[in-house]
C-alpha cells in the first residue's frame, strides 16, 4: 500500500479492512484532513499514521496557511473536512473558523502546557515554527555584504534588492514575523516595516521559498523560518542561519476536529495519534518547536545554530490579539508596502 503527496490536491490512501467474523471486505469510512504542514513532513507523518490506522481511508489536502484559511471559510456553509491539522493557531482563532470547531481534548493533550492549547478545549498544538534568516554566505561575500545579526540590521541600505520575505497575507511565516515586530515595537513597528520594505526584492506566497531562493544564490538573504535553513545547511548549501535576538516571531501549528464531521470516531483516533510517541519521534526531524514534554531539540537543529532552549528566544506572542487584529494589520501592511 502506498501513499503519495501532491500540493493542492487530495492525497488518497485507500484502505480496506477485513471485518471480524465475516468472510468479506468492507471499505473504511474516509477521513478528510486539511493541513498547512509542509509536503515532505506530511508524507512522512501520513506513512506512520497509516501504519497505526490501516483501516482508515485518508483524504489529505495540503495548502499554504492563507489559502487553507480561505478554503475553510468558503466551505463554512458546506464543510468538507473532518480535521484541521497543523494549522497556524492565529488563523484557527479566526471566529469564522474557530466557531466551526468541536471541543475535544486527547488524553495526551492534558500534559501540554496551557499556552499550547485552547482554553475552551477546541484545539491544541504539538508543534510550531520560528523565524530565521537564511544568509547565502558566498553571495554576501561576493557583494561585500555584512552578515546581519538582527532585524534592525536588515534596514541597512546596503541590502537593497537582496532581501526576500514571505507575504503575511498568504504565508503563516510571513504573518508571524510582522506580528512579533508589531507586538514588540508597537506603533514604531510600522515605521520599521516601511524601512524594511525599501530593501525587499519580492514577497513570496510560501514561507520556505525565501530561504530556498537565498540558498541557490538568487538573493543574499531569505527571511524565512528555521527548518528550511537547517535543511539547507545539511544539504551543503552555503547558508548561515541567523536567529534574531529580539522580536523573534513564532507560530503554533494547531489541530482540531470540525463539528460537522460525520466520522467522529476516526477523527478522534487521528487527532490522538498526532500526540503519540510515534508522531513525536518524527517531529524532531522537521520541527524546531515541539511542545510535547520530554521531546528534546534535535541534534541537527542544534548543529545548524538553533539554541538549546528555544523558548528563551521567542517573543511572547499574544495569539488571541494577533487573530483579532489580523485583518486590520494586513490591510495596513498592504498600504505601507505598496510599491
C-alpha atoms as a PDB file:
ATOM      1  CA  UNK A   1       0.000   0.000   0.000  1.00  0.00           C
ATOM      2  CA  UNK A   2       1.487   3.358  -0.974  1.00  0.00           C
ATOM      3  CA  UNK A   3       0.882   6.967  -0.102  1.00  0.00           C
ATOM      4  CA  UNK A   4       1.609   9.913  -2.388  1.00  0.00           C
ATOM      5  CA  UNK A   5       1.576  13.659  -1.810  1.00  0.00           C
ATOM      6  CA  UNK A   6       0.648  16.394  -4.260  1.00  0.00           C
ATOM      7  CA  UNK A   7       0.439  20.066  -3.355  1.00  0.00           C
ATOM      8  CA  UNK A   8      -3.088  21.456  -3.538  1.00  0.00           C
ATOM      9  CA  UNK A   9      -4.635  18.078  -4.403  1.00  0.00           C
ATOM     10  CA  UNK A  10      -6.200  15.328  -2.372  1.00  0.00           C
ATOM     11  CA  UNK A  11      -3.890  12.657  -1.086  1.00  0.00           C
ATOM     12  CA  UNK A  12      -5.836   9.446  -1.162  1.00  0.00           C
ATOM     13  CA  UNK A  13      -4.622   6.325   0.547  1.00  0.00           C
ATOM     14  CA  UNK A  14      -7.167   3.582   0.008  1.00  0.00           C
ATOM     15  CA  UNK A  15      -7.609   1.033   2.745  1.00  0.00           C
ATOM     16  CA  UNK A  16      -9.832  -1.990   3.189  1.00  0.00           C
ATOM     17  CA  UNK A  17     -10.386  -3.846   6.416  1.00  0.00           C
ATOM     18  CA  UNK A  18     -11.313  -7.475   6.926  1.00  0.00           C
ATOM     19  CA  UNK A  19     -14.387  -7.439   9.139  1.00  0.00           C
ATOM     20  CA  UNK A  20     -14.043  -9.626  12.206  1.00  0.00           C
ATOM     21  CA  UNK A  21     -16.038 -12.797  11.901  1.00  0.00           C
ATOM     22  CA  UNK A  22     -17.084 -12.083   8.295  1.00  0.00           C
ATOM     23  CA  UNK A  23     -15.770 -13.576   5.112  1.00  0.00           C
ATOM     24  CA  UNK A  24     -15.791 -10.382   3.060  1.00  0.00           C
ATOM     25  CA  UNK A  25     -14.076  -6.994   2.967  1.00  0.00           C
ATOM     26  CA  UNK A  26     -15.527  -3.543   3.593  1.00  0.00           C
ATOM     27  CA  UNK A  27     -14.015  -0.170   2.839  1.00  0.00           C
ATOM     28  CA  UNK A  28     -13.314   2.025   5.854  1.00  0.00           C
ATOM     29  CA  UNK A  29     -15.145   5.320   6.184  1.00  0.00           C
ATOM     30  CA  UNK A  30     -12.967   8.096   4.676  1.00  0.00           C
ATOM     31  CA  UNK A  31     -11.404  10.781   6.842  1.00  0.00           C
ATOM     32  CA  UNK A  32     -10.734  14.135   5.196  1.00  0.00           C
ATOM     33  CA  UNK A  33      -7.895  16.142   6.726  1.00  0.00           C
ATOM     34  CA  UNK A  34      -6.880  19.700   5.807  1.00  0.00           C
ATOM     35  CA  UNK A  35      -3.335  20.789   6.671  1.00  0.00           C
ATOM     36  CA  UNK A  36      -0.797  23.576   6.167  1.00  0.00           C
ATOM     37  CA  UNK A  37       2.194  21.420   7.095  1.00  0.00           C
ATOM     38  CA  UNK A  38       4.968  21.167   4.517  1.00  0.00           C
ATOM     39  CA  UNK A  39       4.721  18.469   1.819  1.00  0.00           C
ATOM     40  CA  UNK A  40       7.761  16.477   2.959  1.00  0.00           C
ATOM     41  CA  UNK A  41       6.608  16.159   6.528  1.00  0.00           C
ATOM     42  CA  UNK A  42       3.004  15.374   5.587  1.00  0.00           C
ATOM     43  CA  UNK A  43       4.247  12.431   3.539  1.00  0.00           C
ATOM     44  CA  UNK A  44       6.374  11.165   6.417  1.00  0.00           C
ATOM     45  CA  UNK A  45       3.708  11.608   9.073  1.00  0.00           C
ATOM     46  CA  UNK A  46       0.972  10.032   6.977  1.00  0.00           C
ATOM     47  CA  UNK A  47       3.048   6.951   6.258  1.00  0.00           C
ATOM     48  CA  UNK A  48       3.300   6.435  10.022  1.00  0.00           C
ATOM     49  CA  UNK A  49      -0.349   7.298  10.653  1.00  0.00           C
ATOM     50  CA  UNK A  50      -1.405   4.774   8.026  1.00  0.00           C
ATOM     51  CA  UNK A  51       0.514   2.028   9.800  1.00  0.00           C
ATOM     52  CA  UNK A  52      -1.181   2.949  13.070  1.00  0.00           C
ATOM     53  CA  UNK A  53      -4.652   3.119  11.463  1.00  0.00           C
ATOM     54  CA  UNK A  54      -4.608   0.727   8.484  1.00  0.00           C
ATOM     55  CA  UNK A  55      -8.404   0.564   8.406  1.00  0.00           C
ATOM     56  CA  UNK A  56      -8.830   4.279   7.696  1.00  0.00           C
ATOM     57  CA  UNK A  57      -9.022   5.807   4.220  1.00  0.00           C
ATOM     58  CA  UNK A  58      -7.344   9.216   4.408  1.00  0.00           C
ATOM     59  CA  UNK A  59      -8.031  12.153   2.102  1.00  0.00           C
ATOM     60  CA  UNK A  60      -5.471  14.880   2.841  1.00  0.00           C
ATOM     61  CA  UNK A  61      -5.455  18.343   1.279  1.00  0.00           C
ATOM     62  CA  UNK A  62      -2.316  20.452   1.786  1.00  0.00           C
ATOM     63  CA  UNK A  63      -2.442  24.211   1.181  1.00  0.00           C
ATOM     64  CA  UNK A  64      -0.492  27.245   2.361  1.00  0.00           C
ATOM     65  CA  UNK A  65      -1.810  28.826   5.551  1.00  0.00           C
ATOM     66  CA  UNK A  66      -3.634  31.708   3.865  1.00  0.00           C
ATOM     67  CA  UNK A  67      -5.139  29.547   1.140  1.00  0.00           C
ATOM     68  CA  UNK A  68      -6.277  26.947   3.653  1.00  0.00           C
ATOM     69  CA  UNK A  69      -7.947  29.581   5.826  1.00  0.00           C
ATOM     70  CA  UNK A  70      -9.772  30.957   2.783  1.00  0.00           C
ATOM     71  CA  UNK A  71     -10.960  27.468   1.828  1.00  0.00           C
ATOM     72  CA  UNK A  72     -12.269  26.598   5.283  1.00  0.00           C
ATOM     73  CA  UNK A  73     -14.134  29.900   5.467  1.00  0.00           C
ATOM     74  CA  UNK A  74     -15.546  29.484   1.945  1.00  0.00           C
ATOM     75  CA  UNK A  75     -16.786  25.987   2.833  1.00  0.00           C
ATOM     76  CA  UNK A  76     -18.385  27.064   6.106  1.00  0.00           C
ATOM     77  CA  UNK A  77     -21.874  26.524   4.702  1.00  0.00           C
ATOM     78  CA  UNK A  78     -20.945  23.050   3.490  1.00  0.00           C
ATOM     79  CA  UNK A  79     -17.874  21.782   5.385  1.00  0.00           C
ATOM     80  CA  UNK A  80     -15.897  19.089   3.572  1.00  0.00           C
ATOM     81  CA  UNK A  81     -13.187  18.291   6.108  1.00  0.00           C
ATOM     82  CA  UNK A  82     -13.249  16.299   9.331  1.00  0.00           C
ATOM     83  CA  UNK A  83      -9.964  17.516  10.844  1.00  0.00           C
ATOM     84  CA  UNK A  84      -7.780  20.612  10.537  1.00  0.00           C
ATOM     85  CA  UNK A  85      -4.210  19.540  11.277  1.00  0.00           C
ATOM     86  CA  UNK A  86      -1.038  21.580  11.758  1.00  0.00           C
ATOM     87  CA  UNK A  87      -2.679  24.945  11.036  1.00  0.00           C
ATOM     88  CA  UNK A  88      -1.446  28.317  12.309  1.00  0.00           C
ATOM     89  CA  UNK A  89      -3.206  28.982  15.606  1.00  0.00           C
ATOM     90  CA  UNK A  90      -3.643  32.655  14.667  1.00  0.00           C
ATOM     91  CA  UNK A  91      -5.827  31.523  11.767  1.00  0.00           C
ATOM     92  CA  UNK A  92      -7.514  28.827  13.848  1.00  0.00           C
ATOM     93  CA  UNK A  93      -8.681  31.562  16.237  1.00  0.00           C
ATOM     94  CA  UNK A  94     -10.421  33.464  13.432  1.00  0.00           C
ATOM     95  CA  UNK A  95     -14.077  33.445  14.625  1.00  0.00           C
ATOM     96  CA  UNK A  96     -15.222  32.162  11.237  1.00  0.00           C
ATOM     97  CA  UNK A  97     -13.047  29.069  11.721  1.00  0.00           C
ATOM     98  CA  UNK A  98     -12.960  28.772  15.499  1.00  0.00           C
ATOM     99  CA  UNK A  99     -16.740  28.708  15.634  1.00  0.00           C
ATOM    100  CA  UNK A 100     -16.798  25.568  13.497  1.00  0.00           C
ATOM    101  CA  UNK A 101     -14.587  23.525  15.848  1.00  0.00           C
ATOM    102  CA  UNK A 102     -15.748  20.921  18.328  1.00  0.00           C
ATOM    103  CA  UNK A 103     -14.413  20.599  21.860  1.00  0.00           C
ATOM    104  CA  UNK A 104     -12.125  17.590  22.158  1.00  0.00           C
ATOM    105  CA  UNK A 105      -9.008  17.139  24.261  1.00  0.00           C
ATOM    106  CA  UNK A 106      -6.983  13.954  23.725  1.00  0.00           C
ATOM    107  CA  UNK A 107      -5.711  12.339  26.915  1.00  0.00           C
ATOM    108  CA  UNK A 108      -2.129  13.177  25.907  1.00  0.00           C
ATOM    109  CA  UNK A 109      -3.026  16.860  25.494  1.00  0.00           C
ATOM    110  CA  UNK A 110      -3.504  17.150  29.244  1.00  0.00           C
ATOM    111  CA  UNK A 111       0.292  17.046  29.593  1.00  0.00           C
ATOM    112  CA  UNK A 112       0.780  20.038  27.293  1.00  0.00           C
ATOM    113  CA  UNK A 113       1.411  23.426  28.933  1.00  0.00           C
ATOM    114  CA  UNK A 114      -1.700  25.620  28.844  1.00  0.00           C
ATOM    115  CA  UNK A 115      -0.166  28.046  26.327  1.00  0.00           C
ATOM    116  CA  UNK A 116      -0.132  25.245  23.747  1.00  0.00           C
ATOM    117  CA  UNK A 117      -3.864  24.505  23.819  1.00  0.00           C
ATOM    118  CA  UNK A 118      -7.145  26.364  23.643  1.00  0.00           C
ATOM    119  CA  UNK A 119      -8.810  27.489  26.830  1.00  0.00           C
ATOM    120  CA  UNK A 120     -12.093  26.103  25.528  1.00  0.00           C
ATOM    121  CA  UNK A 121     -10.631  22.716  24.605  1.00  0.00           C
ATOM    122  CA  UNK A 122     -11.182  23.079  20.858  1.00  0.00           C
ATOM    123  CA  UNK A 123      -7.532  22.938  19.750  1.00  0.00           C
ATOM    124  CA  UNK A 124      -4.011  22.007  20.772  1.00  0.00           C
ATOM    125  CA  UNK A 125      -0.604  22.444  19.158  1.00  0.00           C
ATOM    126  CA  UNK A 126       2.001  19.685  19.131  1.00  0.00           C
ATOM    127  CA  UNK A 127       4.481  21.656  17.028  1.00  0.00           C
ATOM    128  CA  UNK A 128       5.420  25.140  15.890  1.00  0.00           C
ATOM    129  CA  UNK A 129       7.897  27.069  13.782  1.00  0.00           C
ATOM    130  CA  UNK A 130      10.025  30.155  14.322  1.00  0.00           C
ATOM    131  CA  UNK A 131      11.580  32.940  12.301  1.00  0.00           C
ATOM    132  CA  UNK A 132      15.113  32.674  10.902  1.00  0.00           C
ATOM    133  CA  UNK A 133      17.228  34.477   8.325  1.00  0.00           C
ATOM    134  CA  UNK A 134      18.874  32.338   5.647  1.00  0.00           C
ATOM    135  CA  UNK A 135      22.050  34.125   4.574  1.00  0.00           C
ATOM    136  CA  UNK A 136      23.917  32.956   1.484  1.00  0.00           C
ATOM    137  CA  UNK A 137      27.474  33.486   2.688  1.00  0.00           C
ATOM    138  CA  UNK A 138      29.010  33.235  -0.791  1.00  0.00           C
ATOM    139  CA  UNK A 139      26.720  35.868  -2.308  1.00  0.00           C
ATOM    140  CA  UNK A 140      27.160  38.078   0.735  1.00  0.00           C
ATOM    141  CA  UNK A 141      30.943  37.848   0.394  1.00  0.00           C
ATOM    142  CA  UNK A 142      30.876  38.483  -3.357  1.00  0.00           C
ATOM    143  CA  UNK A 143      28.759  41.601  -2.841  1.00  0.00           C
ATOM    144  CA  UNK A 144      30.687  42.704   0.246  1.00  0.00           C
ATOM    145  CA  UNK A 145      27.574  42.465   2.429  1.00  0.00           C
ATOM    146  CA  UNK A 146      27.894  42.063   6.203  1.00  0.00           C
ATOM    147  CA  UNK A 147      26.152  39.084   7.815  1.00  0.00           C
ATOM    148  CA  UNK A 148      23.067  40.530   9.553  1.00  0.00           C
ATOM    149  CA  UNK A 149      22.556  39.653  13.191  1.00  0.00           C
ATOM    150  CA  UNK A 150      19.246  41.383  13.924  1.00  0.00           C
ATOM    151  CA  UNK A 151      16.051  42.763  12.404  1.00  0.00           C
ATOM    152  CA  UNK A 152      17.471  46.275  12.656  1.00  0.00           C
ATOM    153  CA  UNK A 153      20.451  45.281  10.519  1.00  0.00           C
ATOM    154  CA  UNK A 154      18.135  44.425   7.616  1.00  0.00           C
ATOM    155  CA  UNK A 155      17.135  48.066   7.086  1.00  0.00           C
ATOM    156  CA  UNK A 156      20.719  48.955   6.134  1.00  0.00           C
ATOM    157  CA  UNK A 157      20.538  50.342   2.559  1.00  0.00           C
ATOM    158  CA  UNK A 158      23.415  48.035   1.591  1.00  0.00           C
ATOM    159  CA  UNK A 159      20.872  45.184   1.429  1.00  0.00           C
ATOM    160  CA  UNK A 160      18.555  46.903  -1.055  1.00  0.00           C
ATOM    161  CA  UNK A 161      17.259  44.328  -3.532  1.00  0.00           C
ATOM    162  CA  UNK A 162      18.919  41.453  -1.666  1.00  0.00           C
ATOM    163  CA  UNK A 163      16.093  40.502   0.719  1.00  0.00           C
ATOM    164  CA  UNK A 164      13.169  38.161   0.081  1.00  0.00           C
ATOM    165  CA  UNK A 165      10.318  37.782   2.554  1.00  0.00           C
ATOM    166  CA  UNK A 166       7.000  35.869   2.714  1.00  0.00           C
ATOM    167  CA  UNK A 167       3.768  37.765   2.178  1.00  0.00           C
ATOM    168  CA  UNK A 168       1.923  37.768   5.532  1.00  0.00           C
ATOM    169  CA  UNK A 169      -1.449  37.626   3.778  1.00  0.00           C
ATOM    170  CA  UNK A 170      -0.731  34.188   2.297  1.00  0.00           C
ATOM    171  CA  UNK A 171       2.046  32.791   4.475  1.00  0.00           C
ATOM    172  CA  UNK A 172       1.888  31.901   8.156  1.00  0.00           C
ATOM    173  CA  UNK A 173       5.634  32.513   8.321  1.00  0.00           C
ATOM    174  CA  UNK A 174       5.200  35.994   6.887  1.00  0.00           C
ATOM    175  CA  UNK A 175       2.457  36.706   9.390  1.00  0.00           C
ATOM    176  CA  UNK A 176       4.387  35.558  12.475  1.00  0.00           C
ATOM    177  CA  UNK A 177       7.233  37.869  11.506  1.00  0.00           C
ATOM    178  CA  UNK A 178       5.197  41.057  11.388  1.00  0.00           C
ATOM    179  CA  UNK A 179       3.017  40.004  14.335  1.00  0.00           C
ATOM    180  CA  UNK A 180       6.086  39.795  16.592  1.00  0.00           C
ATOM    181  CA  UNK A 181       7.514  43.057  15.254  1.00  0.00           C
ATOM    182  CA  UNK A 182       4.275  44.946  15.834  1.00  0.00           C
ATOM    183  CA  UNK A 183       3.533  43.446  19.232  1.00  0.00           C
ATOM    184  CA  UNK A 184       7.136  44.049  20.312  1.00  0.00           C
ATOM    185  CA  UNK A 185       7.685  47.511  18.850  1.00  0.00           C
ATOM    186  CA  UNK A 186       4.177  48.942  18.938  1.00  0.00           C
ATOM    187  CA  UNK A 187       3.396  51.775  16.543  1.00  0.00           C
ATOM    188  CA  UNK A 188       7.103  52.144  15.802  1.00  0.00           C
ATOM    189  CA  UNK A 189       6.821  48.727  14.163  1.00  0.00           C
ATOM    190  CA  UNK A 190       5.065  50.285  11.180  1.00  0.00           C
ATOM    191  CA  UNK A 191       7.901  52.711  10.646  1.00  0.00           C
ATOM    192  CA  UNK A 192      10.292  49.774  10.749  1.00  0.00           C
ATOM    193  CA  UNK A 193       8.227  47.763   8.227  1.00  0.00           C
ATOM    194  CA  UNK A 194       8.286  50.746   5.889  1.00  0.00           C
ATOM    195  CA  UNK A 195      12.078  50.938   6.115  1.00  0.00           C
ATOM    196  CA  UNK A 196      12.476  47.191   5.657  1.00  0.00           C
ATOM    197  CA  UNK A 197      10.199  47.304   2.606  1.00  0.00           C
ATOM    198  CA  UNK A 198      12.728  49.520   0.808  1.00  0.00           C
ATOM    199  CA  UNK A 199      15.192  46.616   0.781  1.00  0.00           C
ATOM    200  CA  UNK A 200      12.756  43.813  -0.151  1.00  0.00           C
ATOM    201  CA  UNK A 201      13.193  42.481  -3.687  1.00  0.00           C
ATOM    202  CA  UNK A 202       9.970  40.470  -3.594  1.00  0.00           C
ATOM    203  CA  UNK A 203       7.347  38.955  -1.308  1.00  0.00           C
ATOM    204  CA  UNK A 204       6.600  35.263  -1.791  1.00  0.00           C
ATOM    205  CA  UNK A 205       3.449  33.260  -1.080  1.00  0.00           C
ATOM    206  CA  UNK A 206       5.474  30.493   0.587  1.00  0.00           C
ATOM    207  CA  UNK A 207       7.271  30.728   3.915  1.00  0.00           C
ATOM    208  CA  UNK A 208      10.080  28.395   2.848  1.00  0.00           C
ATOM    209  CA  UNK A 209      10.660  29.890  -0.603  1.00  0.00           C
ATOM    210  CA  UNK A 210      12.755  32.882   0.571  1.00  0.00           C
ATOM    211  CA  UNK A 211      15.274  30.502   2.141  1.00  0.00           C
ATOM    212  CA  UNK A 212      15.323  28.309  -0.956  1.00  0.00           C
ATOM    213  CA  UNK A 213      15.907  31.350  -3.176  1.00  0.00           C
ATOM    214  CA  UNK A 214      18.744  32.524  -0.945  1.00  0.00           C
ATOM    215  CA  UNK A 215      20.440  29.151  -0.764  1.00  0.00           C
ATOM    216  CA  UNK A 216      20.702  28.933  -4.562  1.00  0.00           C
ATOM    217  CA  UNK A 217      22.191  32.421  -4.725  1.00  0.00           C
ATOM    218  CA  UNK A 218      19.259  34.304  -6.257  1.00  0.00           C
ATOM    219  CA  UNK A 219      19.345  36.669  -3.299  1.00  0.00           C
ATOM    220  CA  UNK A 220      21.644  37.158  -0.346  1.00  0.00           C
ATOM    221  CA  UNK A 221      19.070  36.850   2.425  1.00  0.00           C
ATOM    222  CA  UNK A 222      15.805  34.953   2.715  1.00  0.00           C
ATOM    223  CA  UNK A 223      13.645  35.915   5.683  1.00  0.00           C
ATOM    224  CA  UNK A 224      12.092  32.545   6.412  1.00  0.00           C
ATOM    225  CA  UNK A 225      11.825  30.001   9.217  1.00  0.00           C
ATOM    226  CA  UNK A 226      14.287  27.663  10.872  1.00  0.00           C
ATOM    227  CA  UNK A 227      13.532  24.319   9.223  1.00  0.00           C
ATOM    228  CA  UNK A 228      14.470  25.229   5.616  1.00  0.00           C
ATOM    229  CA  UNK A 229      17.567  26.966   6.978  1.00  0.00           C
ATOM    230  CA  UNK A 230      18.615  23.806   8.832  1.00  0.00           C
ATOM    231  CA  UNK A 231      17.775  21.674   5.803  1.00  0.00           C
ATOM    232  CA  UNK A 232      19.820  23.930   3.513  1.00  0.00           C
ATOM    233  CA  UNK A 233      22.849  23.752   5.783  1.00  0.00           C
ATOM    234  CA  UNK A 234      22.616  19.968   5.999  1.00  0.00           C
ATOM    235  CA  UNK A 235      22.369  19.685   2.228  1.00  0.00           C
ATOM    236  CA  UNK A 236      25.621  21.600   1.829  1.00  0.00           C
ATOM    237  CA  UNK A 237      24.367  24.958   0.628  1.00  0.00           C
ATOM    238  CA  UNK A 238      26.446  27.998   1.667  1.00  0.00           C
ATOM    239  CA  UNK A 239      23.837  29.124   4.190  1.00  0.00           C
ATOM    240  CA  UNK A 240      24.178  30.593   7.656  1.00  0.00           C
ATOM    241  CA  UNK A 241      21.085  30.563   9.871  1.00  0.00           C
ATOM    242  CA  UNK A 242      20.562  33.722  11.914  1.00  0.00           C
ATOM    243  CA  UNK A 243      18.052  33.820  14.802  1.00  0.00           C
ATOM    244  CA  UNK A 244      17.389  37.496  15.619  1.00  0.00           C
ATOM    245  CA  UNK A 245      17.864  38.228  19.345  1.00  0.00           C
ATOM    246  CA  UNK A 246      14.767  40.466  19.593  1.00  0.00           C
ATOM    247  CA  UNK A 247      11.229  40.150  18.229  1.00  0.00           C
ATOM    248  CA  UNK A 248      11.759  36.514  17.315  1.00  0.00           C
ATOM    249  CA  UNK A 249       8.376  35.526  15.947  1.00  0.00           C
ATOM    250  CA  UNK A 250       6.895  32.064  16.140  1.00  0.00           C
ATOM    251  CA  UNK A 251       3.654  30.309  15.362  1.00  0.00           C
ATOM    252  CA  UNK A 252       1.965  27.237  16.776  1.00  0.00           C
ATOM    253  CA  UNK A 253       0.532  24.563  14.485  1.00  0.00           C
ATOM    254  CA  UNK A 254      -2.907  23.768  15.843  1.00  0.00           C
ATOM    255  CA  UNK A 255      -5.074  20.698  15.350  1.00  0.00           C
ATOM    256  CA  UNK A 256      -8.817  20.380  15.830  1.00  0.00           C
ATOM    257  CA  UNK A 257     -11.899  18.434  14.813  1.00  0.00           C
ATOM    258  CA  UNK A 258     -14.638  20.169  12.862  1.00  0.00           C
ATOM    259  CA  UNK A 259     -18.061  19.995  14.477  1.00  0.00           C
ATOM    260  CA  UNK A 260     -19.562  18.994  11.122  1.00  0.00           C
ATOM    261  CA  UNK A 261     -17.616  15.737  10.880  1.00  0.00           C
ATOM    262  CA  UNK A 262     -19.567  12.606  10.055  1.00  0.00           C
ATOM    263  CA  UNK A 263     -16.659  10.447  11.185  1.00  0.00           C
ATOM    264  CA  UNK A 264     -16.092  11.438  14.800  1.00  0.00           C
ATOM    265  CA  UNK A 265     -14.583   8.097  15.789  1.00  0.00           C
ATOM    266  CA  UNK A 266     -11.737   8.154  13.258  1.00  0.00           C
ATOM    267  CA  UNK A 267     -11.279  11.910  13.638  1.00  0.00           C
ATOM    268  CA  UNK A 268     -10.567  11.387  17.343  1.00  0.00           C
ATOM    269  CA  UNK A 269      -8.260   8.453  16.586  1.00  0.00           C
ATOM    270  CA  UNK A 270      -6.201  10.527  14.168  1.00  0.00           C
ATOM    271  CA  UNK A 271      -6.062  13.556  16.464  1.00  0.00           C
ATOM    272  CA  UNK A 272      -4.973  11.275  19.312  1.00  0.00           C
ATOM    273  CA  UNK A 273      -2.258   9.838  17.081  1.00  0.00           C
ATOM    274  CA  UNK A 274      -0.752  13.288  16.408  1.00  0.00           C
ATOM    275  CA  UNK A 275       0.299  13.351  20.088  1.00  0.00           C
ATOM    276  CA  UNK A 276       1.519   9.759  20.158  1.00  0.00           C
ATOM    277  CA  UNK A 277       5.135   8.723  20.828  1.00  0.00           C
ATOM    278  CA  UNK A 278       5.357   7.617  17.177  1.00  0.00           C
ATOM    279  CA  UNK A 279       4.374  11.063  15.926  1.00  0.00           C
ATOM    280  CA  UNK A 280       6.576  12.840  18.466  1.00  0.00           C
ATOM    281  CA  UNK A 281       9.580  10.826  17.279  1.00  0.00           C
ATOM    282  CA  UNK A 282       9.045  12.164  13.766  1.00  0.00           C
ATOM    283  CA  UNK A 283       8.542  15.812  14.733  1.00  0.00           C
ATOM    284  CA  UNK A 284      12.184  16.275  15.657  1.00  0.00           C
ATOM    285  CA  UNK A 285      13.088  15.574  12.040  1.00  0.00           C
ATOM    286  CA  UNK A 286      11.260  18.696  10.868  1.00  0.00           C
ATOM    287  CA  UNK A 287      10.326  20.894  13.808  1.00  0.00           C
ATOM    288  CA  UNK A 288      12.279  23.439  15.770  1.00  0.00           C
ATOM    289  CA  UNK A 289       9.408  23.695  18.256  1.00  0.00           C
ATOM    290  CA  UNK A 290       7.869  20.538  19.730  1.00  0.00           C
ATOM    291  CA  UNK A 291       5.515  21.191  22.649  1.00  0.00           C
ATOM    292  CA  UNK A 292       5.213  17.584  23.858  1.00  0.00           C
ATOM    293  CA  UNK A 293       7.065  17.299  27.193  1.00  0.00           C
ATOM    294  CA  UNK A 294      10.294  15.311  27.072  1.00  0.00           C
ATOM    295  CA  UNK A 295      10.983  15.739  23.359  1.00  0.00           C
ATOM    296  CA  UNK A 296      14.430  17.374  23.024  1.00  0.00           C
ATOM    297  CA  UNK A 297      15.618  19.712  20.284  1.00  0.00           C
ATOM    298  CA  UNK A 298      17.067  17.536  17.512  1.00  0.00           C
ATOM    299  CA  UNK A 299      20.869  17.453  17.393  1.00  0.00           C
ATOM    300  CA  UNK A 300      20.933  18.509  13.745  1.00  0.00           C
ATOM    301  CA  UNK A 301      18.942  21.623  14.666  1.00  0.00           C
ATOM    302  CA  UNK A 302      21.499  22.492  17.329  1.00  0.00           C
ATOM    303  CA  UNK A 303      24.398  21.897  14.946  1.00  0.00           C
ATOM    304  CA  UNK A 304      22.829  24.327  12.464  1.00  0.00           C
ATOM    305  CA  UNK A 305      22.650  27.064  15.102  1.00  0.00           C
ATOM    306  CA  UNK A 306      19.324  26.662  16.880  1.00  0.00           C
ATOM    307  CA  UNK A 307      19.603  27.488  20.609  1.00  0.00           C
ATOM    308  CA  UNK A 308      19.312  24.672  23.142  1.00  0.00           C
ATOM    309  CA  UNK A 309      16.482  26.485  24.925  1.00  0.00           C
ATOM    310  CA  UNK A 310      14.296  27.601  22.034  1.00  0.00           C
ATOM    311  CA  UNK A 311      11.671  29.048  24.348  1.00  0.00           C
ATOM    312  CA  UNK A 312      14.153  31.568  25.743  1.00  0.00           C
ATOM    313  CA  UNK A 313      14.479  33.437  22.438  1.00  0.00           C
ATOM    314  CA  UNK A 314      10.829  33.534  21.357  1.00  0.00           C
ATOM    315  CA  UNK A 315       8.830  36.734  21.651  1.00  0.00           C
ATOM    316  CA  UNK A 316       5.755  36.007  23.835  1.00  0.00           C
ATOM    317  CA  UNK A 317       3.115  36.388  21.132  1.00  0.00           C
ATOM    318  CA  UNK A 318      -0.449  37.095  22.246  1.00  0.00           C
ATOM    319  CA  UNK A 319      -2.185  34.826  19.737  1.00  0.00           C
ATOM    320  CA  UNK A 320      -5.705  35.986  20.551  1.00  0.00           C
ATOM    321  CA  UNK A 321      -4.642  39.592  19.992  1.00  0.00           C
ATOM    322  CA  UNK A 322      -2.859  38.533  16.813  1.00  0.00           C
ATOM    323  CA  UNK A 323      -6.010  36.870  15.486  1.00  0.00           C
ATOM    324  CA  UNK A 324      -8.283  39.782  16.430  1.00  0.00           C
ATOM    325  CA  UNK A 325      -6.058  42.359  14.725  1.00  0.00           C
ATOM    326  CA  UNK A 326      -5.083  40.285  11.690  1.00  0.00           C
ATOM    327  CA  UNK A 327      -7.476  41.804   9.124  1.00  0.00           C
ATOM    328  CA  UNK A 328      -6.665  45.386  10.096  1.00  0.00           C
ATOM    329  CA  UNK A 329      -2.928  44.720  10.169  1.00  0.00           C
ATOM    330  CA  UNK A 330      -2.907  43.085   6.743  1.00  0.00           C
ATOM    331  CA  UNK A 331      -4.840  45.984   5.260  1.00  0.00           C
ATOM    332  CA  UNK A 332      -2.350  48.474   6.667  1.00  0.00           C
ATOM    333  CA  UNK A 333       0.596  46.285   5.676  1.00  0.00           C
ATOM    334  CA  UNK A 334      -0.554  46.348   2.053  1.00  0.00           C
ATOM    335  CA  UNK A 335      -0.731  50.144   2.209  1.00  0.00           C
ATOM    336  CA  UNK A 336       2.686  50.517   3.828  1.00  0.00           C
ATOM    337  CA  UNK A 337       4.444  48.103   1.457  1.00  0.00           C
ATOM    338  CA  UNK A 338       2.749  49.172  -1.792  1.00  0.00           C
ATOM    339  CA  UNK A 339       5.369  49.932  -4.429  1.00  0.00           C
END
